[in-house]
Each structure stands twice: as structure tokens, then as C-alpha cells.
Amino acid sequence: MDVKLIEPISRKLNHLGRAYLSLLAKQVENLGISRYYYALTYICYHDGKLTQKALANELGKDKSIIVNIIDTLSEEGFVYREINPADRREHLLKVTEKAKEAVPKIVEAFEILNQSITGDISDEEMKIFNSVLTKMGTNIKPLTAQETNNGTKP
């Protein structure tokens, strides 16, 4: 049997993502946050003006996953939900003082790590990299929608 070996694009992306998050976790472990670093920074940036639904849309996550993220960040003392006075069916996401102290340190850790892993990569290469990732994201969207609609997997 003659089988051609093809490495999935996701393998390298997953490896990079896991390594990045492992380094990031070590840099911010003293802050008491276990994960969902970007979600917390996003919530803090929009403090009190963001609903769970809006967060799901912005992060491209399912609503049930967002509930788990918010629950975890809430249990760790970083965020809380407040009923939206304009629409009582919605919850606005707010950050605690603990989050307000932690988020600048998380952002700094992002900056340091980003600079460390892109130090020898030119601005032009980074533009190309980001452009390619954006195009791949655009190209995969109809495939994931198709999978959702007909229950099949590629």
C-alpha cells in the first residue's frame, strides 16, 4: 500500500498555540488566572458594555462555550454578570478590581511573548502571515457552516 503523508496545516498551528499558551501561563501564573487570557482582556476593554452574546460573536465561539469561559473567569474572581438595564434578558459583563490589576500584566505578557517569537520576522513577513491566516479563516468558514448544516465532517 502506497500512502502519501500530508501534514495537516492545523498540526503546526496547534503546536505553536500550545507552546505559546504554556509560556504565557508561566508568565502570568502569579495572577491567579488559569486560562482565557484574551477573553478577559477583551471583556476588560469593553467593561460593562459587552453582553455574553456579543462576546460569543466577537470571539467566534458558541454561546455554551462562552458561558463556560464566563463561569471560569467568575469563579477565579475576574468578572461578573450584571443584568442589562436596557434589556433585562441580557447580561452585561463587568470586571472586578482583581481583573483591572491583572489585565495590564497579561497584556504586557502578550507583548513580550509576541516580540520574542517574532523578533527575527520582518514587518512585511508578519503582514503576509496575518493575511494568509485571514484568508484561511475566510476559506474555512463556508466549510464549517456546511458541516454544521448537514452534520458531516470533512
N, C-alpha and C. Protein backbone atom coordinates (compact mmCIF):
# COMPACT_ATOMS: atom_id res chain seq x y z
N MET A 1 0.85 -1.17 0.00
CA MET A 1 0.00 0.00 0.00
C MET A 1 0.90 1.24 0.00
N ASP A 2 0.65 2.12 -0.94
CA ASP A 2 1.45 3.33 -1.08
C ASP A 2 0.63 4.52 -0.57
N VAL A 3 1.01 5.03 0.59
CA VAL A 3 0.27 6.12 1.21
C VAL A 3 1.14 7.37 1.20
N LYS A 4 0.54 8.46 0.76
CA LYS A 4 1.23 9.75 0.76
C LYS A 4 0.99 10.42 2.11
N LEU A 5 2.06 10.86 2.73
CA LEU A 5 1.95 11.52 4.02
C LEU A 5 1.81 13.02 3.80
N ILE A 6 0.71 13.57 4.29
CA ILE A 6 0.46 15.01 4.20
C ILE A 6 0.23 15.54 5.60
N GLU A 7 1.00 16.53 5.98
CA GLU A 7 0.84 17.12 7.31
C GLU A 7 -0.29 18.14 7.29
N PRO A 8 -1.28 17.97 8.17
CA PRO A 8 -2.35 18.96 8.23
C PRO A 8 -1.81 20.32 8.68
N ILE A 9 -2.31 21.39 8.09
CA ILE A 9 -1.92 22.74 8.49
C ILE A 9 -2.17 22.94 9.98
N SER A 10 -3.25 22.36 10.47
CA SER A 10 -3.62 22.55 11.88
C SER A 10 -2.56 22.01 12.84
N ARG A 11 -1.76 21.04 12.41
CA ARG A 11 -0.76 20.46 13.31
C ARG A 11 0.25 21.51 13.76
N LYS A 12 0.77 22.28 12.82
CA LYS A 12 1.75 23.32 13.17
C LYS A 12 1.10 24.44 13.97
N LEU A 13 -0.13 24.82 13.58
CA LEU A 13 -0.83 25.87 14.31
C LEU A 13 -1.14 25.43 15.74
N ASN A 14 -1.59 24.20 15.91
CA ASN A 14 -1.88 23.68 17.25
C ASN A 14 -0.62 23.62 18.11
N HIS A 15 0.48 23.16 17.51
CA HIS A 15 1.75 23.08 18.24
C HIS A 15 2.19 24.46 18.70
N LEU A 16 2.13 25.44 17.79
CA LEU A 16 2.50 26.81 18.13
C LEU A 16 1.58 27.37 19.22
N GLY A 17 0.29 27.14 19.07
CA GLY A 17 -0.68 27.63 20.05
C GLY A 17 -0.45 27.05 21.43
N ARG A 18 -0.22 25.76 21.50
CA ARG A 18 0.02 25.11 22.81
C ARG A 18 1.31 25.63 23.45
N ALA A 19 2.37 25.77 22.65
CA ALA A 19 3.64 26.28 23.18
C ALA A 19 3.48 27.72 23.67
N TYR A 20 2.79 28.54 22.89
CA TYR A 20 2.56 29.94 23.25
C TYR A 20 1.79 30.02 24.57
N LEU A 21 0.68 29.28 24.66
CA LEU A 21 -0.13 29.34 25.88
C LEU A 21 0.60 28.80 27.09
N SER A 22 1.47 27.81 26.90
CA SER A 22 2.25 27.28 28.00
C SER A 22 3.22 28.35 28.53
N LEU A 23 3.89 29.05 27.63
CA LEU A 23 4.80 30.13 28.03
C LEU A 23 4.04 31.27 28.69
N LEU A 24 2.90 31.61 28.12
CA LEU A 24 2.08 32.69 28.67
C LEU A 24 1.60 32.34 30.08
N ALA A 25 1.15 31.11 30.26
CA ALA A 25 0.66 30.67 31.57
C ALA A 25 1.75 30.81 32.63
N LYS A 26 2.98 30.49 32.26
CA LYS A 26 4.09 30.62 33.21
C LYS A 26 4.35 32.08 33.56
N GLN A 27 4.20 32.96 32.57
CA GLN A 27 4.46 34.39 32.81
C GLN A 27 3.40 35.03 33.71
N VAL A 28 2.18 34.52 33.69
CA VAL A 28 1.09 35.16 34.45
C VAL A 28 0.54 34.27 35.57
N GLU A 29 1.24 33.20 35.91
CA GLU A 29 0.71 32.26 36.89
C GLU A 29 0.48 32.90 38.26
N ASN A 30 1.22 33.94 38.59
CA ASN A 30 1.05 34.60 39.88
C ASN A 30 -0.21 35.46 39.96
N LEU A 31 -0.92 35.62 38.82
CA LEU A 31 -2.12 36.46 38.80
C LEU A 31 -3.39 35.70 39.18
N GLY A 32 -3.31 34.38 39.26
CA GLY A 32 -4.47 33.59 39.65
C GLY A 32 -5.44 33.29 38.52
N ILE A 33 -4.98 33.45 37.27
CA ILE A 33 -5.83 33.13 36.12
C ILE A 33 -5.28 31.87 35.47
N SER A 34 -6.18 30.94 35.17
CA SER A 34 -5.75 29.65 34.65
C SER A 34 -5.82 29.56 33.13
N ARG A 35 -6.68 30.36 32.51
CA ARG A 35 -6.82 30.35 31.04
C ARG A 35 -7.78 31.47 30.64
N TYR A 36 -8.08 31.54 29.37
CA TYR A 36 -8.99 32.55 28.82
C TYR A 36 -8.43 33.97 28.99
N TYR A 37 -7.12 34.08 28.78
CA TYR A 37 -6.43 35.36 28.95
C TYR A 37 -6.97 36.43 27.99
N TYR A 38 -7.09 36.07 26.72
CA TYR A 38 -7.55 37.06 25.74
C TYR A 38 -9.01 37.43 26.00
N ALA A 39 -9.83 36.46 26.33
CA ALA A 39 -11.24 36.76 26.62
C ALA A 39 -11.32 37.77 27.77
N LEU A 40 -10.51 37.59 28.80
CA LEU A 40 -10.52 38.53 29.92
C LEU A 40 -10.09 39.92 29.47
N THR A 41 -9.04 40.01 28.67
CA THR A 41 -8.60 41.33 28.21
C THR A 41 -9.67 41.98 27.35
N TYR A 42 -10.36 41.19 26.56
CA TYR A 42 -11.43 41.72 25.70
C TYR A 42 -12.59 42.23 26.54
N ILE A 43 -12.97 41.47 27.55
CA ILE A 43 -14.06 41.88 28.44
C ILE A 43 -13.66 43.16 29.18
N CYS A 44 -12.43 43.23 29.64
CA CYS A 44 -11.97 44.41 30.37
C CYS A 44 -11.97 45.63 29.46
N TYR A 45 -11.55 45.47 28.23
CA TYR A 45 -11.52 46.57 27.27
C TYR A 45 -12.93 47.15 27.06
N HIS A 46 -13.95 46.28 27.11
CA HIS A 46 -15.34 46.69 26.89
C HIS A 46 -16.14 46.65 28.20
N ASP A 47 -15.47 46.85 29.31
CA ASP A 47 -16.06 46.69 30.64
C ASP A 47 -17.46 47.31 30.76
N GLY A 48 -18.44 46.45 31.03
CA GLY A 48 -19.81 46.90 31.26
C GLY A 48 -20.61 47.21 30.02
N LYS A 49 -20.01 47.06 28.84
CA LYS A 49 -20.72 47.38 27.59
C LYS A 49 -20.89 46.16 26.69
N LEU A 50 -20.49 45.01 27.18
CA LEU A 50 -20.45 43.80 26.36
C LEU A 50 -21.37 42.75 26.95
N THR A 51 -22.22 42.16 26.10
CA THR A 51 -23.08 41.06 26.52
C THR A 51 -22.38 39.74 26.23
N GLN A 52 -22.88 38.67 26.83
CA GLN A 52 -22.34 37.34 26.55
C GLN A 52 -22.50 37.02 25.07
N LYS A 53 -23.63 37.38 24.50
CA LYS A 53 -23.88 37.12 23.08
C LYS A 53 -22.88 37.87 22.20
N ALA A 54 -22.63 39.13 22.53
CA ALA A 54 -21.67 39.92 21.75
C ALA A 54 -20.27 39.32 21.87
N LEU A 55 -19.91 38.86 23.07
CA LEU A 55 -18.60 38.24 23.26
C LEU A 55 -18.49 36.98 22.41
N ALA A 56 -19.55 36.18 22.39
CA ALA A 56 -19.55 34.97 21.57
C ALA A 56 -19.33 35.32 20.10
N ASN A 57 -20.02 36.34 19.63
CA ASN A 57 -19.86 36.76 18.23
C ASN A 57 -18.46 37.26 17.95
N GLU A 58 -17.93 38.10 18.83
CA GLU A 58 -16.60 38.69 18.62
C GLU A 58 -15.49 37.64 18.67
N LEU A 59 -15.61 36.67 19.55
CA LEU A 59 -14.57 35.65 19.68
C LEU A 59 -14.82 34.45 18.78
N GLY A 60 -15.97 34.43 18.10
CA GLY A 60 -16.28 33.31 17.22
C GLY A 60 -16.48 32.01 17.96
N LYS A 61 -17.09 32.10 19.13
CA LYS A 61 -17.32 30.92 19.97
C LYS A 61 -18.80 30.67 20.13
N ASP A 62 -19.15 29.42 20.35
CA ASP A 62 -20.51 29.02 20.64
C ASP A 62 -20.94 29.61 21.98
N LYS A 63 -22.22 29.95 22.10
CA LYS A 63 -22.73 30.56 23.33
C LYS A 63 -22.47 29.69 24.56
N SER A 64 -22.57 28.37 24.42
CA SER A 64 -22.34 27.50 25.58
C SER A 64 -20.88 27.53 26.01
N ILE A 65 -19.97 27.68 25.08
CA ILE A 65 -18.55 27.79 25.43
C ILE A 65 -18.31 29.11 26.15
N ILE A 66 -18.96 30.18 25.69
CA ILE A 66 -18.83 31.48 26.34
C ILE A 66 -19.33 31.41 27.78
N VAL A 67 -20.41 30.69 28.02
CA VAL A 67 -20.92 30.52 29.39
C VAL A 67 -19.84 29.87 30.26
N ASN A 68 -19.17 28.85 29.73
CA ASN A 68 -18.10 28.19 30.49
C ASN A 68 -16.94 29.13 30.75
N ILE A 69 -16.58 29.94 29.75
CA ILE A 69 -15.49 30.91 29.92
C ILE A 69 -15.85 31.91 31.01
N ILE A 70 -17.07 32.47 30.93
CA ILE A 70 -17.50 33.45 31.92
C ILE A 70 -17.59 32.82 33.30
N ASP A 71 -18.11 31.61 33.38
CA ASP A 71 -18.19 30.91 34.67
C ASP A 71 -16.80 30.74 35.28
N THR A 72 -15.83 30.32 34.47
CA THR A 72 -14.46 30.12 34.97
C THR A 72 -13.86 31.44 35.44
N LEU A 73 -13.97 32.48 34.61
CA LEU A 73 -13.41 33.79 34.98
C LEU A 73 -14.12 34.36 36.21
N SER A 74 -15.39 34.05 36.36
CA SER A 74 -16.15 34.50 37.53
C SER A 74 -15.68 33.76 38.78
N GLU A 75 -15.53 32.44 38.67
CA GLU A 75 -15.06 31.64 39.81
C GLU A 75 -13.67 32.07 40.26
N GLU A 76 -12.85 32.52 39.31
CA GLU A 76 -11.49 32.96 39.64
C GLU A 76 -11.47 34.42 40.13
N GLY A 77 -12.64 35.07 40.14
CA GLY A 77 -12.74 36.41 40.69
C GLY A 77 -12.40 37.55 39.74
N PHE A 78 -12.52 37.32 38.44
CA PHE A 78 -12.16 38.34 37.46
C PHE A 78 -13.34 39.07 36.83
N VAL A 79 -14.46 38.38 36.66
CA VAL A 79 -15.61 39.01 36.01
C VAL A 79 -16.89 38.67 36.76
N TYR A 80 -17.92 39.45 36.47
CA TYR A 80 -19.25 39.13 36.97
C TYR A 80 -20.27 39.61 35.95
N ARG A 81 -21.44 39.04 36.07
CA ARG A 81 -22.55 39.39 35.18
C ARG A 81 -23.47 40.37 35.89
N GLU A 82 -23.97 41.31 35.11
CA GLU A 82 -24.95 42.26 35.65
C GLU A 82 -26.08 42.37 34.63
N ILE A 83 -27.31 42.36 35.10
CA ILE A 83 -28.45 42.45 34.18
C ILE A 83 -28.39 43.78 33.43
N ASN A 84 -28.59 43.72 32.14
CA ASN A 84 -28.59 44.90 31.28
C ASN A 84 -29.86 45.70 31.55
N PRO A 85 -29.75 46.92 32.06
CA PRO A 85 -30.96 47.70 32.34
C PRO A 85 -31.78 48.02 31.08
N ALA A 86 -31.13 48.01 29.92
CA ALA A 86 -31.83 48.30 28.66
C ALA A 86 -32.58 47.07 28.13
N ASP A 87 -32.14 45.87 28.54
CA ASP A 87 -32.79 44.63 28.11
C ASP A 87 -32.54 43.58 29.18
N ARG A 88 -33.51 43.37 30.03
CA ARG A 88 -33.34 42.51 31.20
C ARG A 88 -33.08 41.05 30.86
N ARG A 89 -33.21 40.69 29.58
CA ARG A 89 -32.90 39.31 29.17
C ARG A 89 -31.40 39.11 28.97
N GLU A 90 -30.66 40.20 28.91
CA GLU A 90 -29.23 40.13 28.64
C GLU A 90 -28.42 40.40 29.90
N HIS A 91 -27.21 39.86 29.89
CA HIS A 91 -26.26 40.14 30.97
C HIS A 91 -25.08 40.91 30.39
N LEU A 92 -24.72 41.99 31.06
CA LEU A 92 -23.51 42.73 30.71
C LEU A 92 -22.35 42.14 31.51
N LEU A 93 -21.19 42.11 30.90
CA LEU A 93 -20.01 41.56 31.56
C LEU A 93 -19.17 42.68 32.13
N LYS A 94 -18.85 42.54 33.40
CA LYS A 94 -18.05 43.56 34.08
C LYS A 94 -16.86 42.88 34.73
N VAL A 95 -15.80 43.67 34.90
CA VAL A 95 -14.60 43.13 35.52
C VAL A 95 -14.46 43.64 36.96
N THR A 96 -13.79 42.84 37.75
CA THR A 96 -13.53 43.17 39.15
C THR A 96 -12.23 43.97 39.26
N GLU A 97 -11.96 44.45 40.45
CA GLU A 97 -10.68 45.14 40.70
C GLU A 97 -9.51 44.20 40.44
N LYS A 98 -9.69 42.92 40.79
CA LYS A 98 -8.64 41.93 40.54
C LYS A 98 -8.31 41.89 39.05
N ALA A 99 -9.32 41.93 38.21
CA ALA A 99 -9.09 41.92 36.77
C ALA A 99 -8.41 43.20 36.31
N LYS A 100 -8.85 44.32 36.85
CA LYS A 100 -8.26 45.61 36.46
C LYS A 100 -6.77 45.67 36.79
N GLU A 101 -6.37 44.97 37.83
CA GLU A 101 -4.95 44.90 38.19
C GLU A 101 -4.21 43.88 37.32
N ALA A 102 -4.88 42.78 36.97
CA ALA A 102 -4.23 41.69 36.23
C ALA A 102 -4.11 41.96 34.74
N VAL A 103 -5.12 42.58 34.15
CA VAL A 103 -5.15 42.72 32.69
C VAL A 103 -3.94 43.46 32.13
N PRO A 104 -3.49 44.58 32.71
CA PRO A 104 -2.29 45.21 32.15
C PRO A 104 -1.06 44.28 32.17
N LYS A 105 -0.98 43.43 33.17
CA LYS A 105 0.13 42.47 33.25
C LYS A 105 -0.02 41.37 32.20
N ILE A 106 -1.25 40.97 31.93
CA ILE A 106 -1.50 39.98 30.87
C ILE A 106 -1.15 40.57 29.52
N VAL A 107 -1.57 41.80 29.28
CA VAL A 107 -1.28 42.48 28.01
C VAL A 107 0.23 42.62 27.84
N GLU A 108 0.92 42.98 28.91
CA GLU A 108 2.38 43.08 28.85
C GLU A 108 3.00 41.73 28.51
N ALA A 109 2.48 40.66 29.08
CA ALA A 109 2.98 39.32 28.78
C ALA A 109 2.73 38.97 27.30
N PHE A 110 1.56 39.34 26.77
CA PHE A 110 1.30 39.16 25.33
C PHE A 110 2.36 39.88 24.52
N GLU A 111 2.61 41.14 24.87
CA GLU A 111 3.57 41.96 24.11
C GLU A 111 4.97 41.36 24.14
N ILE A 112 5.42 40.95 25.32
CA ILE A 112 6.76 40.37 25.46
C ILE A 112 6.87 39.07 24.67
N LEU A 113 5.88 38.21 24.81
CA LEU A 113 5.91 36.93 24.10
C LEU A 113 5.81 37.13 22.60
N ASN A 114 4.91 38.02 22.18
CA ASN A 114 4.78 38.30 20.74
C ASN A 114 6.11 38.80 20.17
N GLN A 115 6.76 39.72 20.89
CA GLN A 115 8.05 40.24 20.43
C GLN A 115 9.12 39.15 20.40
N SER A 116 9.11 38.28 21.40
CA SER A 116 10.10 37.21 21.47
C SER A 116 9.99 36.24 20.30
N ILE A 117 8.77 35.90 19.93
CA ILE A 117 8.62 34.89 18.88
C ILE A 117 8.59 35.48 17.47
N THR A 118 8.54 36.81 17.37
CA THR A 118 8.55 37.44 16.04
C THR A 118 9.77 38.33 15.84
N GLY A 119 10.73 38.25 16.75
CA GLY A 119 11.89 39.14 16.72
C GLY A 119 12.67 39.14 15.42
N ASP A 120 12.80 37.99 14.79
CA ASP A 120 13.57 37.93 13.54
C ASP A 120 12.66 37.84 12.31
N ILE A 121 11.43 38.23 12.47
CA ILE A 121 10.46 38.22 11.37
C ILE A 121 10.16 39.67 11.01
N SER A 122 10.30 39.99 9.73
CA SER A 122 10.10 41.37 9.29
C SER A 122 8.63 41.76 9.36
N ASP A 123 8.41 43.07 9.35
CA ASP A 123 7.03 43.58 9.32
C ASP A 123 6.30 43.06 8.10
N GLU A 124 6.98 43.01 6.97
CA GLU A 124 6.36 42.52 5.72
C GLU A 124 5.97 41.04 5.86
N GLU A 125 6.84 40.24 6.46
CA GLU A 125 6.52 38.83 6.68
C GLU A 125 5.32 38.68 7.61
N MET A 126 5.24 39.52 8.64
CA MET A 126 4.10 39.46 9.55
C MET A 126 2.81 39.87 8.84
N LYS A 127 2.88 40.85 7.96
CA LYS A 127 1.70 41.24 7.18
C LYS A 127 1.23 40.08 6.32
N ILE A 128 2.17 39.40 5.69
CA ILE A 128 1.83 38.24 4.85
C ILE A 128 1.25 37.13 5.71
N PHE A 129 1.87 36.85 6.83
CA PHE A 129 1.40 35.81 7.75
C PHE A 129 -0.04 36.08 8.18
N ASN A 130 -0.30 37.32 8.62
CA ASN A 130 -1.64 37.69 9.05
C ASN A 130 -2.64 37.64 7.90
N SER A 131 -2.21 38.04 6.73
CA SER A 131 -3.07 37.99 5.55
C SER A 131 -3.43 36.54 5.20
N VAL A 132 -2.44 35.67 5.25
CA VAL A 132 -2.68 34.25 4.94
C VAL A 132 -3.63 33.64 5.97
N LEU A 133 -3.41 33.92 7.24
CA LEU A 133 -4.31 33.40 8.28
C LEU A 133 -5.74 33.90 8.08
N THR A 134 -5.88 35.18 7.74
CA THR A 134 -7.20 35.75 7.49
C THR A 134 -7.87 35.06 6.30
N LYS A 135 -7.13 34.85 5.23
CA LYS A 135 -7.68 34.18 4.05
C LYS A 135 -8.08 32.74 4.38
N MET A 136 -7.25 32.05 5.14
CA MET A 136 -7.59 30.67 5.53
C MET A 136 -8.86 30.66 6.37
N GLY A 137 -8.98 31.62 7.28
CA GLY A 137 -10.20 31.73 8.10
C GLY A 137 -11.42 31.97 7.24
N THR A 138 -11.27 32.83 6.25
CA THR A 138 -12.37 33.11 5.32
C THR A 138 -12.71 31.86 4.50
N ASN A 139 -11.69 31.15 4.05
CA ASN A 139 -11.91 29.95 3.22
C ASN A 139 -12.54 28.81 4.00
N ILE A 140 -12.25 28.73 5.28
CA ILE A 140 -12.77 27.59 6.06
C ILE A 140 -14.20 27.84 6.56
N LYS A 141 -14.61 29.10 6.65
CA LYS A 141 -15.95 29.41 7.17
C LYS A 141 -17.06 28.68 6.44
N PRO A 142 -17.11 28.73 5.10
CA PRO A 142 -18.21 28.02 4.43
C PRO A 142 -18.17 26.51 4.66
N LEU A 143 -16.97 25.97 4.84
CA LEU A 143 -16.85 24.53 5.09
C LEU A 143 -17.40 24.16 6.46
N THR A 144 -17.14 25.01 7.46
CA THR A 144 -17.66 24.73 8.80
C THR A 144 -19.16 24.95 8.85
N ALA A 145 -19.65 25.94 8.10
CA ALA A 145 -21.10 26.16 8.03
C ALA A 145 -21.78 24.99 7.35
N GLN A 146 -21.14 24.49 6.31
CA GLN A 146 -21.68 23.34 5.58
C GLN A 146 -21.72 22.11 6.49
N GLU A 147 -20.66 21.92 7.28
CA GLU A 147 -20.60 20.80 8.22
C GLU A 147 -21.71 20.90 9.25
N THR A 148 -21.94 22.09 9.75
CA THR A 148 -22.98 22.32 10.75
C THR A 148 -24.36 22.04 10.14
N ASN A 149 -24.55 22.47 8.91
CA ASN A 149 -25.86 22.32 8.26
C ASN A 149 -26.21 20.89 7.89
N ASN A 150 -25.22 20.10 7.47
CA ASN A 150 -25.58 18.75 7.05
C ASN A 150 -25.03 17.66 7.95
N GLY A 151 -24.35 18.04 9.04
CA GLY A 151 -23.90 17.05 10.01
C GLY A 151 -22.75 16.20 9.56
N THR A 152 -22.07 16.55 8.48
CA THR A 152 -20.95 15.77 8.01
C THR A 152 -19.65 16.46 8.38
N LYS A 153 -18.60 15.66 8.35
CA LYS A 153 -17.27 16.21 8.65
C LYS A 153 -16.40 16.00 7.44
N PRO A 154 -15.50 16.99 7.17
CA PRO A 154 -14.62 16.85 6.01
C PRO A 154 -13.60 15.77 6.19
